[in-house]
Every structure is written in C-alpha cells, then in structure tokens.
Amino acid sequence: SGLDYIIFKCGVIYGRGDHMLDHLSHALYTFPVFGLVGMKEKPMRPLAVEDLVQVIAASLKDERLTRKTLSMTGPEEIILGEAVRRVAEVLGRRPLFIRLPIVFHFGIAWLAECTMKIPLVALAQLRILSEGIVEALPPCETLPEDLRPAKCFSGDQIRRGLPEPGGFGFRDLLWCKTS
C-alpha cells in the first residue's frame, strides 16, 4: 500500500488499570494461598506502560522506527512467581505459594470465565503464562538502544500501578448487579 506502519509486539504490560497488577493485588487480598502456574515456571519480561507510551510517542517522529515490526518487552527477565512475590511484598501480604499443575489452572480459568465479569485469569492469559514471554515470535527487530525500555518491575513501579486495596467479592460475579 505504500503506507508507513509500525507494529509493536508487546509482552506483559503493567501499569494503572492493567489486568496483571489489578488481578494479582485483588487475589493477594482475597486468598491466603497463591497457586503458581505449572510445576516449572517460565520467564517473563514485564513492560511498564510508561516505557511503551514513550516509544509510541517517539514513533510518531523517529524515522528509524518506520516500516518495522518491533519487539517490546521490559528490561528485566523474571519468573511469574518472583513478580507475584514483589507485588505481595509491596502490599504487605504473605500468602503461601504452592506450585500447581497447569491443568488445575485451566480449570480455574474456565470457572472464572464462566462466573466473573472480568475473570481472575483467562484461558488465553494462562496459555501465555505457561509458555513464557521473553521475546517476540517470530523474531523481529529490536528497538534502538536509546528507546529501549528501562523501568524494572520494582516496588516503586508496582506502587504506581496498583488499584485501590481490596479483594474480589460478589460485585465481580456475572450475576451480581452493581449500580
């Protein structure tokens, strides 16, 4: 078509209003036990929404980014359990962490999708978490050095993205009306 384009292939994005910090914090307030996904955890590279916005803004002017498919992941590789532990620490929560087979989580995801307005975990999210999220597939170009994400999944970053404190409740169920 001759049109300019930029495709961003992003991993897990976190920040105010996301599903990651929102659901993790509500789960940590609700349940005394947290089931880690699978018997062997996979790595991920959480991406701060601020880093993504900075690159999107730069893409409007920066000719280096035109007509490319770019990989967008955070600067730090961690496993999901470590991410959950960091969120729990910021919240002052100390759940019991247990490893659960993926099939158990598929059951929870199916039940959550059938009963919750916004599921605690969705089947698609579970597939992603069980595979790991550290690089875009198929491989694509990386960002120029000066535009690469720099914000690690730190306590300060987590605090900025957390929703109001509280757990899941009846208001989260499909059949409950809220005004």
N, C-alpha and C. Protein backbone atom coordinates (compact mmCIF):
# COMPACT_ATOMS: atom_id res chain seq x y z
N SER A 1 0.81 -1.21 0.00
CA SER A 1 0.00 0.00 0.00
C SER A 1 0.85 1.26 0.00
N GLY A 2 2.10 1.15 0.41
CA GLY A 2 2.95 2.32 0.47
C GLY A 2 2.78 3.12 1.74
N LEU A 3 1.88 2.70 2.62
CA LEU A 3 1.67 3.42 3.88
C LEU A 3 2.78 3.10 4.86
N ASP A 4 3.11 4.10 5.67
CA ASP A 4 4.04 3.84 6.77
C ASP A 4 3.31 3.02 7.83
N TYR A 5 4.06 2.21 8.52
CA TYR A 5 3.48 1.41 9.60
C TYR A 5 4.56 1.13 10.63
N ILE A 6 4.10 0.81 11.82
CA ILE A 6 4.97 0.32 12.89
C ILE A 6 4.12 -0.68 13.66
N ILE A 7 4.64 -1.87 13.85
CA ILE A 7 3.95 -2.89 14.63
C ILE A 7 4.76 -3.13 15.89
N PHE A 8 4.10 -3.01 17.03
CA PHE A 8 4.74 -3.28 18.32
C PHE A 8 4.25 -4.64 18.81
N LYS A 9 5.18 -5.56 19.02
CA LYS A 9 4.84 -6.87 19.57
C LYS A 9 5.24 -6.83 21.04
N CYS A 10 4.25 -6.61 21.90
CA CYS A 10 4.50 -6.40 23.33
C CYS A 10 4.28 -7.68 24.14
N GLY A 11 5.01 -7.76 25.22
CA GLY A 11 4.82 -8.83 26.19
C GLY A 11 3.78 -8.39 27.21
N VAL A 12 3.99 -8.72 28.46
CA VAL A 12 3.08 -8.35 29.54
C VAL A 12 3.30 -6.88 29.89
N ILE A 13 2.24 -6.08 29.75
CA ILE A 13 2.31 -4.66 30.06
C ILE A 13 1.66 -4.44 31.42
N TYR A 14 2.32 -3.67 32.28
CA TYR A 14 1.73 -3.38 33.59
C TYR A 14 1.68 -1.88 33.83
N GLY A 15 0.73 -1.48 34.64
CA GLY A 15 0.53 -0.07 34.99
C GLY A 15 -0.88 0.13 35.49
N ARG A 16 -1.21 1.32 35.88
CA ARG A 16 -2.54 1.62 36.43
C ARG A 16 -3.64 1.12 35.48
N GLY A 17 -4.55 0.31 36.00
CA GLY A 17 -5.69 -0.19 35.23
C GLY A 17 -5.43 -1.47 34.45
N ASP A 18 -4.25 -2.05 34.59
CA ASP A 18 -3.95 -3.28 33.86
C ASP A 18 -4.61 -4.49 34.52
N HIS A 19 -4.53 -5.63 33.88
CA HIS A 19 -5.06 -6.85 34.48
C HIS A 19 -4.03 -7.52 35.37
N MET A 20 -2.76 -7.31 35.10
CA MET A 20 -1.74 -8.00 35.88
C MET A 20 -1.72 -7.51 37.34
N LEU A 21 -1.41 -6.25 37.56
CA LEU A 21 -1.35 -5.73 38.93
C LEU A 21 -2.73 -5.73 39.58
N ASP A 22 -3.75 -5.39 38.82
CA ASP A 22 -5.11 -5.37 39.34
C ASP A 22 -5.50 -6.74 39.89
N HIS A 23 -5.37 -7.77 39.05
CA HIS A 23 -5.80 -9.10 39.46
C HIS A 23 -4.88 -9.72 40.51
N LEU A 24 -3.58 -9.50 40.37
CA LEU A 24 -2.67 -10.02 41.39
C LEU A 24 -2.98 -9.42 42.76
N SER A 25 -3.17 -8.10 42.82
CA SER A 25 -3.41 -7.47 44.12
C SER A 25 -4.74 -7.94 44.71
N HIS A 26 -5.80 -8.02 43.89
CA HIS A 26 -7.09 -8.49 44.41
C HIS A 26 -6.98 -9.94 44.88
N ALA A 27 -6.26 -10.77 44.13
CA ALA A 27 -6.08 -12.17 44.53
C ALA A 27 -5.30 -12.26 45.84
N LEU A 28 -4.26 -11.44 45.98
CA LEU A 28 -3.45 -11.48 47.20
C LEU A 28 -4.23 -10.98 48.42
N TYR A 29 -5.18 -10.08 48.23
CA TYR A 29 -6.05 -9.64 49.33
C TYR A 29 -7.13 -10.68 49.65
N THR A 30 -7.50 -11.50 48.67
CA THR A 30 -8.61 -12.42 48.82
C THR A 30 -8.20 -13.79 49.35
N PHE A 31 -7.12 -14.34 48.80
CA PHE A 31 -6.76 -15.73 49.10
C PHE A 31 -5.48 -15.82 49.92
N PRO A 32 -5.46 -16.70 50.93
CA PRO A 32 -4.24 -16.88 51.73
C PRO A 32 -3.19 -17.75 51.02
N VAL A 33 -3.60 -18.41 49.94
CA VAL A 33 -2.71 -19.29 49.18
C VAL A 33 -2.68 -18.79 47.73
N PHE A 34 -1.51 -18.80 47.12
CA PHE A 34 -1.39 -18.40 45.72
C PHE A 34 -0.78 -19.55 44.95
N GLY A 35 -1.51 -20.04 43.94
CA GLY A 35 -1.04 -21.14 43.12
C GLY A 35 -0.18 -20.66 41.96
N LEU A 36 1.08 -21.02 41.97
CA LEU A 36 1.98 -20.67 40.87
C LEU A 36 1.68 -21.55 39.66
N VAL A 37 1.80 -20.98 38.47
CA VAL A 37 1.40 -21.66 37.24
C VAL A 37 2.43 -22.69 36.83
N GLY A 38 2.04 -23.96 36.89
CA GLY A 38 2.88 -25.06 36.42
C GLY A 38 3.92 -25.50 37.43
N MET A 39 4.46 -26.67 37.17
CA MET A 39 5.47 -27.22 38.07
C MET A 39 6.85 -26.62 37.82
N LYS A 40 7.02 -26.02 36.65
CA LYS A 40 8.25 -25.29 36.33
C LYS A 40 7.84 -23.97 35.72
N GLU A 41 8.18 -22.89 36.40
CA GLU A 41 7.77 -21.58 35.93
C GLU A 41 8.57 -21.13 34.71
N LYS A 42 7.91 -20.32 33.90
CA LYS A 42 8.53 -19.77 32.70
C LYS A 42 8.87 -18.30 32.94
N PRO A 43 9.88 -17.80 32.23
CA PRO A 43 10.27 -16.40 32.41
C PRO A 43 9.35 -15.43 31.68
N MET A 44 9.37 -14.20 32.15
CA MET A 44 8.63 -13.11 31.50
C MET A 44 9.46 -11.84 31.64
N ARG A 45 9.10 -10.83 30.86
CA ARG A 45 9.80 -9.53 30.90
C ARG A 45 8.73 -8.45 30.99
N PRO A 46 8.24 -8.13 32.20
CA PRO A 46 7.17 -7.13 32.35
C PRO A 46 7.58 -5.77 31.79
N LEU A 47 6.66 -5.16 31.04
CA LEU A 47 6.90 -3.89 30.37
C LEU A 47 6.05 -2.80 31.03
N ALA A 48 6.69 -1.76 31.56
CA ALA A 48 5.97 -0.63 32.17
C ALA A 48 5.24 0.14 31.08
N VAL A 49 3.99 0.47 31.33
CA VAL A 49 3.19 1.19 30.34
C VAL A 49 3.86 2.52 29.97
N GLU A 50 4.56 3.14 30.92
CA GLU A 50 5.25 4.40 30.63
C GLU A 50 6.33 4.22 29.56
N ASP A 51 7.05 3.08 29.61
CA ASP A 51 8.06 2.80 28.58
C ASP A 51 7.40 2.62 27.22
N LEU A 52 6.27 1.92 27.20
CA LEU A 52 5.56 1.72 25.93
C LEU A 52 5.07 3.05 25.36
N VAL A 53 4.49 3.90 26.20
CA VAL A 53 3.99 5.19 25.74
C VAL A 53 5.14 6.05 25.19
N GLN A 54 6.28 6.01 25.84
CA GLN A 54 7.45 6.78 25.36
C GLN A 54 7.85 6.34 23.95
N VAL A 55 7.84 5.04 23.70
CA VAL A 55 8.23 4.55 22.38
C VAL A 55 7.15 4.87 21.35
N ILE A 56 5.89 4.76 21.72
CA ILE A 56 4.81 5.11 20.79
C ILE A 56 4.92 6.59 20.40
N ALA A 57 5.16 7.46 21.38
CA ALA A 57 5.32 8.89 21.10
C ALA A 57 6.52 9.13 20.18
N ALA A 58 7.62 8.45 20.46
CA ALA A 58 8.82 8.61 19.63
C ALA A 58 8.57 8.11 18.21
N SER A 59 7.73 7.10 18.07
CA SER A 59 7.48 6.51 16.74
C SER A 59 6.77 7.48 15.80
N LEU A 60 6.13 8.50 16.36
CA LEU A 60 5.45 9.48 15.52
C LEU A 60 6.42 10.40 14.79
N LYS A 61 7.66 10.49 15.31
CA LYS A 61 8.65 11.40 14.72
C LYS A 61 9.92 10.70 14.25
N ASP A 62 10.23 9.58 14.84
CA ASP A 62 11.53 8.93 14.62
C ASP A 62 11.49 8.03 13.38
N GLU A 63 12.21 8.43 12.34
CA GLU A 63 12.23 7.69 11.08
C GLU A 63 12.85 6.30 11.22
N ARG A 64 13.65 6.09 12.26
CA ARG A 64 14.29 4.78 12.45
C ARG A 64 13.26 3.68 12.71
N LEU A 65 12.05 4.06 13.12
CA LEU A 65 11.06 3.07 13.51
C LEU A 65 10.03 2.75 12.42
N THR A 66 10.04 3.48 11.34
CA THR A 66 9.01 3.27 10.32
C THR A 66 9.23 1.97 9.55
N ARG A 67 8.10 1.39 9.15
CA ARG A 67 8.07 0.15 8.37
C ARG A 67 8.82 -0.98 9.05
N LYS A 68 8.56 -1.12 10.35
CA LYS A 68 9.21 -2.18 11.12
C LYS A 68 8.22 -2.85 12.06
N THR A 69 8.54 -4.08 12.38
CA THR A 69 7.85 -4.80 13.45
C THR A 69 8.87 -4.90 14.57
N LEU A 70 8.50 -4.33 15.73
CA LEU A 70 9.44 -4.18 16.84
C LEU A 70 9.03 -4.99 18.06
N SER A 71 9.99 -5.62 18.68
CA SER A 71 9.77 -6.35 19.92
C SER A 71 9.77 -5.36 21.09
N MET A 72 8.76 -5.46 21.95
CA MET A 72 8.67 -4.57 23.12
C MET A 72 8.47 -5.41 24.38
N THR A 73 9.53 -5.60 25.12
CA THR A 73 9.46 -6.28 26.41
C THR A 73 10.25 -5.46 27.41
N GLY A 74 10.02 -5.72 28.68
CA GLY A 74 10.72 -4.98 29.72
C GLY A 74 12.19 -5.33 29.80
N PRO A 75 12.96 -4.55 30.56
CA PRO A 75 14.41 -4.74 30.63
C PRO A 75 14.85 -5.88 31.54
N GLU A 76 13.92 -6.41 32.34
CA GLU A 76 14.29 -7.39 33.36
C GLU A 76 13.55 -8.71 33.14
N GLU A 77 14.28 -9.80 33.11
CA GLU A 77 13.68 -11.12 32.97
C GLU A 77 13.50 -11.76 34.35
N ILE A 78 12.25 -12.07 34.68
CA ILE A 78 11.93 -12.71 35.96
C ILE A 78 10.90 -13.81 35.71
N ILE A 79 10.69 -14.66 36.69
CA ILE A 79 9.63 -15.65 36.59
C ILE A 79 8.38 -15.08 37.25
N LEU A 80 7.22 -15.62 36.87
CA LEU A 80 5.96 -15.12 37.40
C LEU A 80 5.95 -15.14 38.93
N GLY A 81 6.46 -16.19 39.54
CA GLY A 81 6.48 -16.28 40.99
C GLY A 81 7.20 -15.10 41.64
N GLU A 82 8.29 -14.68 41.03
CA GLU A 82 9.04 -13.52 41.54
C GLU A 82 8.21 -12.25 41.40
N ALA A 83 7.51 -12.11 40.28
CA ALA A 83 6.64 -10.94 40.09
C ALA A 83 5.55 -10.91 41.16
N VAL A 84 4.94 -12.05 41.42
CA VAL A 84 3.88 -12.13 42.44
C VAL A 84 4.46 -11.82 43.82
N ARG A 85 5.62 -12.34 44.12
CA ARG A 85 6.25 -12.07 45.42
C ARG A 85 6.53 -10.57 45.60
N ARG A 86 6.96 -9.90 44.53
CA ARG A 86 7.23 -8.46 44.63
C ARG A 86 5.94 -7.69 44.88
N VAL A 87 4.86 -8.06 44.21
CA VAL A 87 3.57 -7.39 44.43
C VAL A 87 3.11 -7.66 45.86
N ALA A 88 3.22 -8.90 46.31
CA ALA A 88 2.82 -9.25 47.68
C ALA A 88 3.62 -8.45 48.71
N GLU A 89 4.89 -8.28 48.48
CA GLU A 89 5.75 -7.52 49.40
C GLU A 89 5.29 -6.06 49.49
N VAL A 90 5.00 -5.46 48.33
CA VAL A 90 4.53 -4.06 48.31
C VAL A 90 3.20 -3.95 49.07
N LEU A 91 2.33 -4.96 48.94
CA LEU A 91 1.03 -4.94 49.62
C LEU A 91 1.11 -5.33 51.08
N GLY A 92 2.26 -5.85 51.51
CA GLY A 92 2.39 -6.32 52.89
C GLY A 92 1.65 -7.64 53.11
N ARG A 93 1.50 -8.44 52.06
CA ARG A 93 0.80 -9.72 52.15
C ARG A 93 1.84 -10.85 52.14
N ARG A 94 1.50 -11.94 52.80
CA ARG A 94 2.41 -13.09 52.86
C ARG A 94 1.64 -14.38 52.58
N PRO A 95 1.23 -14.58 51.33
CA PRO A 95 0.49 -15.81 51.03
C PRO A 95 1.42 -17.02 51.01
N LEU A 96 0.81 -18.17 51.13
CA LEU A 96 1.54 -19.42 50.95
C LEU A 96 1.59 -19.68 49.45
N PHE A 97 2.79 -19.83 48.90
CA PHE A 97 2.93 -20.09 47.47
C PHE A 97 3.06 -21.59 47.25
N ILE A 98 2.24 -22.12 46.36
CA ILE A 98 2.35 -23.54 46.01
C ILE A 98 2.34 -23.68 44.49
N ARG A 99 3.10 -24.64 44.01
CA ARG A 99 3.11 -24.93 42.58
C ARG A 99 1.94 -25.85 42.27
N LEU A 100 1.21 -25.51 41.22
CA LEU A 100 0.07 -26.33 40.81
C LEU A 100 0.20 -26.67 39.33
N PRO A 101 -0.19 -27.88 38.97
CA PRO A 101 -0.13 -28.26 37.55
C PRO A 101 -0.98 -27.32 36.69
N ILE A 102 -0.57 -27.14 35.47
CA ILE A 102 -1.28 -26.23 34.57
C ILE A 102 -2.73 -26.65 34.39
N VAL A 103 -2.99 -27.94 34.39
CA VAL A 103 -4.37 -28.41 34.21
C VAL A 103 -5.28 -27.86 35.32
N PHE A 104 -4.77 -27.72 36.53
CA PHE A 104 -5.54 -27.14 37.63
C PHE A 104 -5.90 -25.69 37.31
N HIS A 105 -4.95 -24.94 36.79
CA HIS A 105 -5.18 -23.54 36.44
C HIS A 105 -6.16 -23.40 35.28
N PHE A 106 -6.12 -24.35 34.33
CA PHE A 106 -7.10 -24.31 33.24
C PHE A 106 -8.51 -24.45 33.80
N GLY A 107 -8.67 -25.29 34.83
CA GLY A 107 -9.98 -25.43 35.48
C GLY A 107 -10.42 -24.13 36.14
N ILE A 108 -9.49 -23.48 36.84
CA ILE A 108 -9.80 -22.19 37.49
C ILE A 108 -10.14 -21.14 36.43
N ALA A 109 -9.36 -21.10 35.35
CA ALA A 109 -9.61 -20.12 34.29
C ALA A 109 -10.97 -20.34 33.65
N TRP A 110 -11.32 -21.59 33.38
CA TRP A 110 -12.62 -21.89 32.79
C TRP A 110 -13.74 -21.44 33.73
N LEU A 111 -13.61 -21.77 35.02
CA LEU A 111 -14.62 -21.37 36.01
C LEU A 111 -14.69 -19.84 36.12
N ALA A 112 -13.55 -19.18 36.14
CA ALA A 112 -13.53 -17.71 36.24
C ALA A 112 -14.19 -17.07 35.02
N GLU A 113 -13.92 -17.61 33.83
CA GLU A 113 -14.54 -17.05 32.63
C GLU A 113 -16.06 -17.24 32.63
N CYS A 114 -16.52 -18.32 33.25
CA CYS A 114 -17.97 -18.60 33.30
C CYS A 114 -18.70 -17.78 34.36
N THR A 115 -17.99 -17.30 35.38
CA THR A 115 -18.67 -16.69 36.52
C THR A 115 -18.31 -15.23 36.80
N MET A 116 -17.19 -14.74 36.28
CA MET A 116 -16.74 -13.39 36.64
C MET A 116 -16.90 -12.41 35.49
N LYS A 117 -17.20 -11.15 35.81
CA LYS A 117 -17.29 -10.09 34.81
C LYS A 117 -15.94 -9.92 34.11
N ILE A 118 -14.89 -9.81 34.88
CA ILE A 118 -13.53 -9.79 34.36
C ILE A 118 -12.82 -10.94 35.07
N PRO A 119 -12.54 -12.03 34.37
CA PRO A 119 -12.01 -13.23 35.02
C PRO A 119 -10.70 -13.00 35.78
N LEU A 120 -10.59 -13.66 36.91
CA LEU A 120 -9.36 -13.66 37.69
C LEU A 120 -8.18 -14.02 36.77
N VAL A 121 -8.36 -15.04 35.97
CA VAL A 121 -7.40 -15.42 34.93
C VAL A 121 -8.20 -15.98 33.77
N ALA A 122 -7.80 -15.63 32.56
CA ALA A 122 -8.48 -16.12 31.36
C ALA A 122 -7.66 -17.24 30.74
N LEU A 123 -8.31 -18.08 29.97
CA LEU A 123 -7.62 -19.19 29.32
C LEU A 123 -6.47 -18.69 28.44
N ALA A 124 -6.69 -17.59 27.71
CA ALA A 124 -5.63 -17.05 26.86
C ALA A 124 -4.43 -16.58 27.69
N GLN A 125 -4.71 -15.92 28.82
CA GLN A 125 -3.62 -15.46 29.70
C GLN A 125 -2.83 -16.65 30.24
N LEU A 126 -3.54 -17.70 30.59
CA LEU A 126 -2.89 -18.89 31.13
C LEU A 126 -1.96 -19.53 30.10
N ARG A 127 -2.40 -19.59 28.85
CA ARG A 127 -1.55 -20.14 27.79
C ARG A 127 -0.26 -19.32 27.69
N ILE A 128 -0.40 -18.00 27.72
CA ILE A 128 0.78 -17.14 27.63
C ILE A 128 1.72 -17.37 28.81
N LEU A 129 1.16 -17.42 30.02
CA LEU A 129 1.99 -17.60 31.21
C LEU A 129 2.67 -18.97 31.22
N SER A 130 2.01 -19.97 30.68
CA SER A 130 2.60 -21.32 30.68
C SER A 130 3.70 -21.46 29.64
N GLU A 131 3.75 -20.56 28.65
CA GLU A 131 4.77 -20.61 27.61
C GLU A 131 5.95 -19.70 27.89
N GLY A 132 5.74 -18.63 28.64
CA GLY A 132 6.80 -17.65 28.88
C GLY A 132 6.73 -16.52 27.88
N ILE A 133 7.19 -15.35 28.29
CA ILE A 133 7.12 -14.16 27.44
C ILE A 133 8.42 -13.38 27.57
N VAL A 134 9.41 -13.76 26.77
CA VAL A 134 10.67 -13.04 26.84
C VAL A 134 11.11 -12.49 25.50
N GLU A 135 10.56 -13.03 24.41
CA GLU A 135 10.91 -12.50 23.09
C GLU A 135 9.74 -12.69 22.14
N ALA A 136 9.66 -11.80 21.19
CA ALA A 136 8.59 -11.87 20.20
C ALA A 136 8.85 -13.01 19.22
N LEU A 137 7.80 -13.72 18.88
CA LEU A 137 7.90 -14.78 17.88
C LEU A 137 6.89 -14.52 16.78
N PRO A 138 7.21 -14.67 15.54
CA PRO A 138 8.57 -14.92 15.08
C PRO A 138 9.47 -13.73 15.42
N PRO A 139 10.78 -13.98 15.43
CA PRO A 139 11.71 -12.89 15.78
C PRO A 139 11.50 -11.64 14.94
N CYS A 140 11.66 -10.50 15.58
CA CYS A 140 11.54 -9.23 14.87
C CYS A 140 12.64 -8.29 15.35
N GLU A 141 12.61 -7.09 14.82
CA GLU A 141 13.68 -6.14 15.15
C GLU A 141 13.56 -5.63 16.58
N THR A 142 14.71 -5.27 17.14
CA THR A 142 14.72 -4.67 18.48
C THR A 142 14.74 -3.15 18.33
N LEU A 143 14.38 -2.49 19.40
CA LEU A 143 14.38 -1.03 19.42
C LEU A 143 15.80 -0.49 19.41
N PRO A 144 15.99 0.72 18.87
CA PRO A 144 17.30 1.36 19.01
C PRO A 144 17.65 1.50 20.50
N GLU A 145 18.90 1.45 20.81
CA GLU A 145 19.38 1.48 22.21
C GLU A 145 18.76 2.61 23.02
N ASP A 146 18.66 3.81 22.46
CA ASP A 146 18.17 4.96 23.20
C ASP A 146 16.66 4.91 23.48
N LEU A 147 15.94 3.99 22.86
CA LEU A 147 14.49 3.88 23.08
C LEU A 147 14.10 2.61 23.83
N ARG A 148 15.06 1.78 24.18
CA ARG A 148 14.73 0.52 24.87
C ARG A 148 14.15 0.79 26.25
N PRO A 149 13.14 0.00 26.64
CA PRO A 149 12.54 0.15 27.97
C PRO A 149 13.58 0.05 29.07
N ALA A 150 13.42 0.89 30.11
CA ALA A 150 14.41 0.94 31.18
C ALA A 150 13.82 0.70 32.56
N LYS A 151 12.50 0.75 32.70
CA LYS A 151 11.88 0.64 34.02
C LYS A 151 11.72 -0.82 34.43
N CYS A 152 12.42 -1.19 35.50
CA CYS A 152 12.32 -2.56 36.03
C CYS A 152 11.05 -2.71 36.85
N PHE A 153 10.67 -3.93 37.09
CA PHE A 153 9.47 -4.26 37.87
C PHE A 153 9.81 -4.10 39.35
N SER A 154 9.93 -2.86 39.78
CA SER A 154 10.38 -2.52 41.14
C SER A 154 9.19 -2.18 42.04
N GLY A 155 9.47 -2.07 43.32
CA GLY A 155 8.44 -1.68 44.28
C GLY A 155 7.79 -0.35 43.93
N ASP A 156 8.58 0.64 43.52
CA ASP A 156 8.01 1.94 43.15
C ASP A 156 7.11 1.83 41.93
N GLN A 157 7.54 1.08 40.92
CA GLN A 157 6.73 0.89 39.72
C GLN A 157 5.43 0.16 40.06
N ILE A 158 5.53 -0.85 40.90
CA ILE A 158 4.34 -1.62 41.30
C ILE A 158 3.37 -0.70 42.05
N ARG A 159 3.87 0.09 43.00
CA ARG A 159 3.01 1.01 43.77
C ARG A 159 2.24 1.96 42.85
N ARG A 160 2.92 2.49 41.84
CA ARG A 160 2.28 3.43 40.92
C ARG A 160 1.13 2.78 40.15
N GLY A 161 1.21 1.47 39.91
CA GLY A 161 0.20 0.81 39.10
C GLY A 161 -0.91 0.11 39.87
N LEU A 162 -0.79 0.05 41.19
CA LEU A 162 -1.78 -0.71 41.97
C LEU A 162 -3.14 -0.02 42.01
N PRO A 163 -4.21 -0.82 42.00
CA PRO A 163 -5.55 -0.26 42.18
C PRO A 163 -5.82 -0.01 43.66
N GLU A 164 -7.01 0.47 43.99
CA GLU A 164 -7.40 0.63 45.39
C GLU A 164 -7.31 -0.73 46.08
N PRO A 165 -6.89 -0.76 47.34
CA PRO A 165 -6.77 -2.04 48.05
C PRO A 165 -8.13 -2.73 48.18
N GLY A 166 -8.09 -4.04 48.12
CA GLY A 166 -9.30 -4.82 48.32
C GLY A 166 -9.26 -6.11 47.54
N GLY A 167 -10.09 -7.04 47.97
CA GLY A 167 -10.13 -8.35 47.33
C GLY A 167 -11.26 -8.48 46.34
N PHE A 168 -11.38 -9.67 45.78
CA PHE A 168 -12.51 -9.99 44.92
C PHE A 168 -13.73 -10.16 45.80
N GLY A 169 -14.90 -9.87 45.25
CA GLY A 169 -16.14 -10.02 46.01
C GLY A 169 -17.31 -10.32 45.10
N PHE A 170 -18.50 -10.28 45.65
CA PHE A 170 -19.71 -10.58 44.88
C PHE A 170 -19.87 -9.64 43.69
N ARG A 171 -19.41 -8.40 43.82
CA ARG A 171 -19.54 -7.43 42.72
C ARG A 171 -18.82 -7.88 41.46
N ASP A 172 -17.88 -8.81 41.60
CA ASP A 172 -17.11 -9.29 40.46
C ASP A 172 -17.79 -10.43 39.70
N LEU A 173 -18.90 -10.93 40.24
CA LEU A 173 -19.59 -12.05 39.62
C LEU A 173 -20.57 -11.57 38.54
N LEU A 174 -20.73 -12.38 37.51
CA LEU A 174 -21.58 -12.01 36.37
C LEU A 174 -23.02 -11.72 36.77
N TRP A 175 -23.57 -12.46 37.69
CA TRP A 175 -24.99 -12.33 38.01
C TRP A 175 -25.28 -11.26 39.05
N CYS A 176 -24.26 -10.58 39.53
CA CYS A 176 -24.47 -9.51 40.51
C CYS A 176 -24.53 -8.16 39.80
N LYS A 177 -25.55 -7.42 40.10
CA LYS A 177 -25.72 -6.08 39.52
C LYS A 177 -25.03 -5.06 40.44
N THR A 178 -24.33 -4.13 39.81
CA THR A 178 -23.74 -3.01 40.58
C THR A 178 -24.29 -1.72 40.03
N SER A 179 -24.48 -0.77 40.91
CA SER A 179 -25.06 0.50 40.45
C SER A 179 -24.03 1.57 40.34
